[in-house]
């Protein structure tokens, strides 16, 4: 597989995860520190952070 395709997929995951966090920050009234932790995880551990947010992050923010 071409490395540029993998880079594009990785960047797309990061952008989608950040947009979802920003959307939820303004829409859902939940814990600020939890949202901040997800943003930092997505920024500093991009691949793992974005995948983890897309799998479990939305559920934990909606419950809080």
PDB file of N, CA and C in Angstrom:
ATOM      1  N   UNK A   1       0.837  -1.173   0.000  1.00  0.00           N
ATOM      2  CA  UNK A   1       0.000   0.000   0.000  1.00  0.00           C
ATOM      3  C   UNK A   1       0.886   1.242   0.000  1.00  0.00           C
ATOM      4  N   UNK A   2       0.485   2.225  -0.734  1.00  0.00           N
ATOM      5  CA  UNK A   2       1.248   3.454  -0.868  1.00  0.00           C
ATOM      6  C   UNK A   2       1.257   4.228   0.459  1.00  0.00           C
ATOM      7  N   UNK A   3       2.425   4.680   0.930  1.00  0.00           N
ATOM      8  CA  UNK A   3       2.491   5.406   2.205  1.00  0.00           C
ATOM      9  C   UNK A   3       1.669   6.699   2.214  1.00  0.00           C
ATOM     10  N   UNK A   4       1.501   7.335   1.069  1.00  0.00           N
ATOM     11  CA  UNK A   4       0.721   8.569   1.044  1.00  0.00           C
ATOM     12  C   UNK A   4      -0.752   8.299   1.334  1.00  0.00           C
ATOM     13  N   UNK A   5      -1.251   7.127   0.959  1.00  0.00           N
ATOM     14  CA  UNK A   5      -2.630   6.769   1.273  1.00  0.00           C
ATOM     15  C   UNK A   5      -2.785   6.556   2.775  1.00  0.00           C
ATOM     16  N   UNK A   6      -1.815   5.894   3.391  1.00  0.00           N
ATOM     17  CA  UNK A   6      -1.861   5.697   4.839  1.00  0.00           C
ATOM     18  C   UNK A   6      -1.793   7.024   5.588  1.00  0.00           C
ATOM     19  N   UNK A   7      -0.968   7.934   5.116  1.00  0.00           N
ATOM     20  CA  UNK A   7      -0.881   9.255   5.731  1.00  0.00           C
ATOM     21  C   UNK A   7      -2.207  10.000   5.596  1.00  0.00           C
ATOM     22  N   UNK A   8      -2.827   9.912   4.453  1.00  0.00           N
ATOM     23  CA  UNK A   8      -4.122  10.557   4.234  1.00  0.00           C
ATOM     24  C   UNK A   8      -5.182   9.981   5.168  1.00  0.00           C
ATOM     25  N   UNK A   9      -5.211   8.674   5.316  1.00  0.00           N
ATOM     26  CA  UNK A   9      -6.182   8.030   6.214  1.00  0.00           C
ATOM     27  C   UNK A   9      -5.925   8.465   7.651  1.00  0.00           C
ATOM     28  N   UNK A  10      -4.680   8.498   8.062  1.00  0.00           N
ATOM     29  CA  UNK A  10      -4.321   8.912   9.416  1.00  0.00           C
ATOM     30  C   UNK A  10      -4.739  10.351   9.677  1.00  0.00           C
ATOM     31  N   UNK A  11      -4.447  11.255   8.735  1.00  0.00           N
ATOM     32  CA  UNK A  11      -4.815  12.659   8.888  1.00  0.00           C
ATOM     33  C   UNK A  11      -6.329  12.827   8.914  1.00  0.00           C
ATOM     34  N   UNK A  12      -7.029  12.068   8.106  1.00  0.00           N
ATOM     35  CA  UNK A  12      -8.485  12.142   8.084  1.00  0.00           C
ATOM     36  C   UNK A  12      -9.069  11.719   9.427  1.00  0.00           C
ATOM     37  N   UNK A  13      -8.548  10.660  10.010  1.00  0.00           N
ATOM     38  CA  UNK A  13      -9.009  10.214  11.328  1.00  0.00           C
ATOM     39  C   UNK A  13      -8.781  11.294  12.379  1.00  0.00           C
ATOM     40  N   UNK A  14      -7.621  11.923  12.363  1.00  0.00           N
ATOM     41  CA  UNK A  14      -7.315  12.974  13.338  1.00  0.00           C
ATOM     42  C   UNK A  14      -8.245  14.169  13.177  1.00  0.00           C
ATOM     43  N   UNK A  15      -8.485  14.586  11.961  1.00  0.00           N
ATOM     44  CA  UNK A  15      -9.349  15.736  11.707  1.00  0.00           C
ATOM     45  C   UNK A  15     -10.782  15.433  12.131  1.00  0.00           C
ATOM     46  N   UNK A  16     -11.277  14.265  11.799  1.00  0.00           N
ATOM     47  CA  UNK A  16     -12.643  13.893  12.177  1.00  0.00           C
ATOM     48  C   UNK A  16     -12.775  13.839  13.696  1.00  0.00           C
ATOM     49  N   UNK A  17     -11.813  13.246  14.374  1.00  0.00           N
ATOM     50  CA  UNK A  17     -11.877  13.158  15.834  1.00  0.00           C
ATOM     51  C   UNK A  17     -11.840  14.543  16.481  1.00  0.00           C
ATOM     52  N   UNK A  18     -10.982  15.431  15.995  1.00  0.00           N
ATOM     53  CA  UNK A  18     -10.922  16.786  16.546  1.00  0.00           C
ATOM     54  C   UNK A  18     -12.218  17.546  16.292  1.00  0.00           C
ATOM     55  N   UNK A  19     -12.784  17.403  15.102  1.00  0.00           N
ATOM     56  CA  UNK A  19     -14.045  18.070  14.809  1.00  0.00           C
ATOM     57  C   UNK A  19     -15.171  17.551  15.694  1.00  0.00           C
ATOM     58  N   UNK A  20     -15.192  16.258  15.951  1.00  0.00           N
ATOM     59  CA  UNK A  20     -16.214  15.700  16.831  1.00  0.00           C
ATOM     60  C   UNK A  20     -16.057  16.206  18.261  1.00  0.00           C
ATOM     61  N   UNK A  21     -14.829  16.310  18.739  1.00  0.00           N
ATOM     62  CA  UNK A  21     -14.603  16.845  20.085  1.00  0.00           C
ATOM     63  C   UNK A  21     -15.057  18.296  20.154  1.00  0.00           C
ATOM     64  N   UNK A  22     -14.695  19.090  19.169  1.00  0.00           N
ATOM     65  CA  UNK A  22     -15.116  20.495  19.169  1.00  0.00           C
ATOM     66  C   UNK A  22     -16.632  20.621  19.088  1.00  0.00           C
ATOM     67  N   UNK A  23     -17.271  19.776  18.319  1.00  0.00           N
ATOM     68  CA  UNK A  23     -18.733  19.779  18.219  1.00  0.00           C
ATOM     69  C   UNK A  23     -19.358  19.452  19.569  1.00  0.00           C
ATOM     70  N   UNK A  24     -18.828  18.446  20.234  1.00  0.00           N
ATOM     71  CA  UNK A  24     -19.392  18.033  21.518  1.00  0.00           C
ATOM     72  C   UNK A  24     -19.099  19.069  22.602  1.00  0.00           C
ATOM     73  N   UNK A  25     -17.962  19.765  22.525  1.00  0.00           N
ATOM     74  CA  UNK A  25     -17.646  20.801  23.511  1.00  0.00           C
ATOM     75  C   UNK A  25     -18.743  21.861  23.514  1.00  0.00           C
ATOM     76  N   UNK A  26     -19.233  22.238  22.361  1.00  0.00           N
ATOM     77  CA  UNK A  26     -20.244  23.289  22.289  1.00  0.00           C
ATOM     78  C   UNK A  26     -21.666  22.760  22.410  1.00  0.00           C
ATOM     79  N   UNK A  27     -21.873  21.477  22.224  1.00  0.00           N
ATOM     80  CA  UNK A  27     -23.221  20.922  22.232  1.00  0.00           C
ATOM     81  C   UNK A  27     -23.587  20.249  23.549  1.00  0.00           C
ATOM     82  N   UNK A  28     -22.703  19.470  24.088  1.00  0.00           N
ATOM     83  CA  UNK A  28     -22.992  18.677  25.280  1.00  0.00           C
ATOM     84  C   UNK A  28     -22.404  19.366  26.507  1.00  0.00           C
ATOM     85  N   UNK A  29     -23.179  19.455  27.555  1.00  0.00           N
ATOM     86  CA  UNK A  29     -22.716  20.068  28.793  1.00  0.00           C
ATOM     87  C   UNK A  29     -22.128  18.985  29.694  1.00  0.00           C
ATOM     88  N   UNK A  30     -20.901  18.600  29.412  1.00  0.00           N
ATOM     89  CA  UNK A  30     -20.240  17.570  30.207  1.00  0.00           C
ATOM     90  C   UNK A  30     -18.940  18.117  30.776  1.00  0.00           C
ATOM     91  N   UNK A  31     -18.200  17.271  31.428  1.00  0.00           N
ATOM     92  CA  UNK A  31     -16.998  17.641  32.140  1.00  0.00           C
ATOM     93  C   UNK A  31     -15.930  18.238  31.210  1.00  0.00           C
ATOM     94  N   UNK A  32     -15.480  19.453  31.533  1.00  0.00           N
ATOM     95  CA  UNK A  32     -14.472  20.138  30.728  1.00  0.00           C
ATOM     96  C   UNK A  32     -13.158  19.371  30.703  1.00  0.00           C
ATOM     97  N   UNK A  33     -12.745  18.825  31.842  1.00  0.00           N
ATOM     98  CA  UNK A  33     -11.458  18.137  31.927  1.00  0.00           C
ATOM     99  C   UNK A  33     -11.450  16.862  31.096  1.00  0.00           C
ATOM    100  N   UNK A  34     -12.597  16.195  31.010  1.00  0.00           N
ATOM    101  CA  UNK A  34     -12.692  15.003  30.178  1.00  0.00           C
ATOM    102  C   UNK A  34     -12.523  15.372  28.709  1.00  0.00           C
ATOM    103  N   UNK A  35     -13.154  16.455  28.296  1.00  0.00           N
ATOM    104  CA  UNK A  35     -13.008  16.913  26.906  1.00  0.00           C
ATOM    105  C   UNK A  35     -11.574  17.344  26.629  1.00  0.00           C
ATOM    106  N   UNK A  36     -10.980  18.051  27.581  1.00  0.00           N
ATOM    107  CA  UNK A  36      -9.599  18.492  27.411  1.00  0.00           C
ATOM    108  C   UNK A  36      -8.654  17.299  27.301  1.00  0.00           C
ATOM    109  N   UNK A  37      -8.906  16.267  28.092  1.00  0.00           N
ATOM    110  CA  UNK A  37      -8.079  15.060  28.024  1.00  0.00           C
ATOM    111  C   UNK A  37      -8.171  14.409  26.643  1.00  0.00           C
ATOM    112  N   UNK A  38      -9.378  14.370  26.067  1.00  0.00           N
ATOM    113  CA  UNK A  38      -9.523  13.786  24.735  1.00  0.00           C
ATOM    114  C   UNK A  38      -8.815  14.629  23.677  1.00  0.00           C
ATOM    115  N   UNK A  39      -8.921  15.939  23.776  1.00  0.00           N
ATOM    116  CA  UNK A  39      -8.222  16.804  22.803  1.00  0.00           C
ATOM    117  C   UNK A  39      -6.719  16.597  22.903  1.00  0.00           C
ATOM    118  N   UNK A  40      -6.181  16.551  24.122  1.00  0.00           N
ATOM    119  CA  UNK A  40      -4.744  16.334  24.294  1.00  0.00           C
ATOM    120  C   UNK A  40      -4.323  14.951  23.801  1.00  0.00           C
ATOM    121  N   UNK A  41      -5.163  13.957  24.038  1.00  0.00           N
ATOM    122  CA  UNK A  41      -4.844  12.607  23.557  1.00  0.00           C
ATOM    123  C   UNK A  41      -4.807  12.579  22.037  1.00  0.00           C
ATOM    124  N   UNK A  42      -5.752  13.260  21.407  1.00  0.00           N
ATOM    125  CA  UNK A  42      -5.788  13.285  19.935  1.00  0.00           C
ATOM    126  C   UNK A  42      -4.589  14.047  19.385  1.00  0.00           C
ATOM    127  N   UNK A  43      -4.186  15.121  20.051  1.00  0.00           N
ATOM    128  CA  UNK A  43      -3.062  15.918  19.562  1.00  0.00           C
ATOM    129  C   UNK A  43      -1.711  15.256  19.801  1.00  0.00           C
ATOM    130  N   UNK A  44      -1.519  14.644  20.969  1.00  0.00           N
ATOM    131  CA  UNK A  44      -0.205  14.115  21.322  1.00  0.00           C
ATOM    132  C   UNK A  44      -0.024  12.636  21.008  1.00  0.00           C
ATOM    133  N   UNK A  45      -1.084  11.922  20.892  1.00  0.00           N
ATOM    134  CA  UNK A  45      -1.020  10.515  20.508  1.00  0.00           C
ATOM    135  C   UNK A  45      -2.025  10.349  19.356  1.00  0.00           C
ATOM    136  N   UNK A  46      -1.708  10.928  18.212  1.00  0.00           N
ATOM    137  CA  UNK A  46      -2.710  11.072  17.156  1.00  0.00           C
ATOM    138  C   UNK A  46      -3.380   9.776  16.712  1.00  0.00           C
ATOM    139  N   UNK A  47      -2.643   8.781  16.425  1.00  0.00           N
ATOM    140  CA  UNK A  47      -3.291   7.585  15.889  1.00  0.00           C
ATOM    141  C   UNK A  47      -4.114   6.880  16.950  1.00  0.00           C
ATOM    142  N   UNK A  48      -3.505   6.621  18.091  1.00  0.00           N
ATOM    143  CA  UNK A  48      -4.201   5.913  19.167  1.00  0.00           C
ATOM    144  C   UNK A  48      -5.315   6.780  19.743  1.00  0.00           C
ATOM    145  N   UNK A  49      -5.036   8.073  19.916  1.00  0.00           N
ATOM    146  CA  UNK A  49      -6.036   8.976  20.478  1.00  0.00           C
ATOM    147  C   UNK A  49      -7.265   9.117  19.602  1.00  0.00           C
ATOM    148  N   UNK A  50      -7.066   9.255  18.303  1.00  0.00           N
ATOM    149  CA  UNK A  50      -8.220   9.421  17.419  1.00  0.00           C
ATOM    150  C   UNK A  50      -9.028   8.140  17.301  1.00  0.00           C
ATOM    151  N   UNK A  51      -8.364   7.006  17.213  1.00  0.00           N
ATOM    152  CA  UNK A  51      -9.081   5.732  17.150  1.00  0.00           C
ATOM    153  C   UNK A  51      -9.835   5.484  18.457  1.00  0.00           C
ATOM    154  N   UNK A  52      -9.191   5.749  19.590  1.00  0.00           N
ATOM    155  CA  UNK A  52      -9.854   5.546  20.888  1.00  0.00           C
ATOM    156  C   UNK A  52     -11.059   6.457  21.025  1.00  0.00           C
ATOM    157  N   UNK A  53     -10.935   7.707  20.586  1.00  0.00           N
ATOM    158  CA  UNK A  53     -12.076   8.618  20.677  1.00  0.00           C
ATOM    159  C   UNK A  53     -13.221   8.150  19.799  1.00  0.00           C
ATOM    160  N   UNK A  54     -12.915   7.736  18.582  1.00  0.00           N
ATOM    161  CA  UNK A  54     -13.978   7.293  17.685  1.00  0.00           C
ATOM    162  C   UNK A  54     -14.661   6.029  18.192  1.00  0.00           C
ATOM    163  N   UNK A  55     -13.931   5.194  18.950  1.00  0.00           N
ATOM    164  CA  UNK A  55     -14.519   3.952  19.466  1.00  0.00           C
ATOM    165  C   UNK A  55     -15.252   4.180  20.779  1.00  0.00           C
ATOM    166  N   UNK A  56     -14.584   4.819  21.763  1.00  0.00           N
ATOM    167  CA  UNK A  56     -15.193   4.916  23.098  1.00  0.00           C
ATOM    168  C   UNK A  56     -15.440   6.341  23.586  1.00  0.00           C
ATOM    169  N   UNK A  57     -14.826   7.329  22.972  1.00  0.00           N
ATOM    170  CA  UNK A  57     -14.903   8.686  23.480  1.00  0.00           C
ATOM    171  C   UNK A  57     -16.281   9.304  23.417  1.00  0.00           C
ATOM    172  N   UNK A  58     -16.984   9.117  22.329  1.00  0.00           N
ATOM    173  CA  UNK A  58     -18.303   9.724  22.195  1.00  0.00           C
ATOM    174  C   UNK A  58     -19.256   9.186  23.257  1.00  0.00           C
ATOM    175  N   UNK A  59     -19.156   7.918  23.576  1.00  0.00           N
ATOM    176  CA  UNK A  59     -20.036   7.314  24.581  1.00  0.00           C
ATOM    177  C   UNK A  59     -19.739   7.884  25.963  1.00  0.00           C
ATOM    178  N   UNK A  60     -18.453   8.062  26.308  1.00  0.00           N
ATOM    179  CA  UNK A  60     -18.112   8.551  27.639  1.00  0.00           C
ATOM    180  C   UNK A  60     -18.483  10.026  27.801  1.00  0.00           C
ATOM    181  N   UNK A  61     -18.429  10.815  26.742  1.00  0.00           N
ATOM    182  CA  UNK A  61     -18.804  12.216  26.837  1.00  0.00           C
ATOM    183  C   UNK A  61     -20.320  12.381  26.928  1.00  0.00           C
ATOM    184  N   UNK A  62     -21.081  11.522  26.283  1.00  0.00           N
ATOM    185  CA  UNK A  62     -22.528  11.641  26.330  1.00  0.00           C
ATOM    186  C   UNK A  62     -23.071  11.215  27.679  1.00  0.00           C
ATOM    187  N   UNK A  63     -22.422  10.281  28.345  1.00  0.00           N
ATOM    188  CA  UNK A  63     -22.873   9.792  29.648  1.00  0.00           C
ATOM    189  C   UNK A  63     -22.564  10.801  30.745  1.00  0.00           C
ATOM    190  N   UNK A  64     -21.417  11.493  30.637  1.00  0.00           N
ATOM    191  CA  UNK A  64     -20.961  12.399  31.691  1.00  0.00           C
ATOM    192  C   UNK A  64     -21.893  13.574  31.873  1.00  0.00           C
TER     193      UNK A  64
END
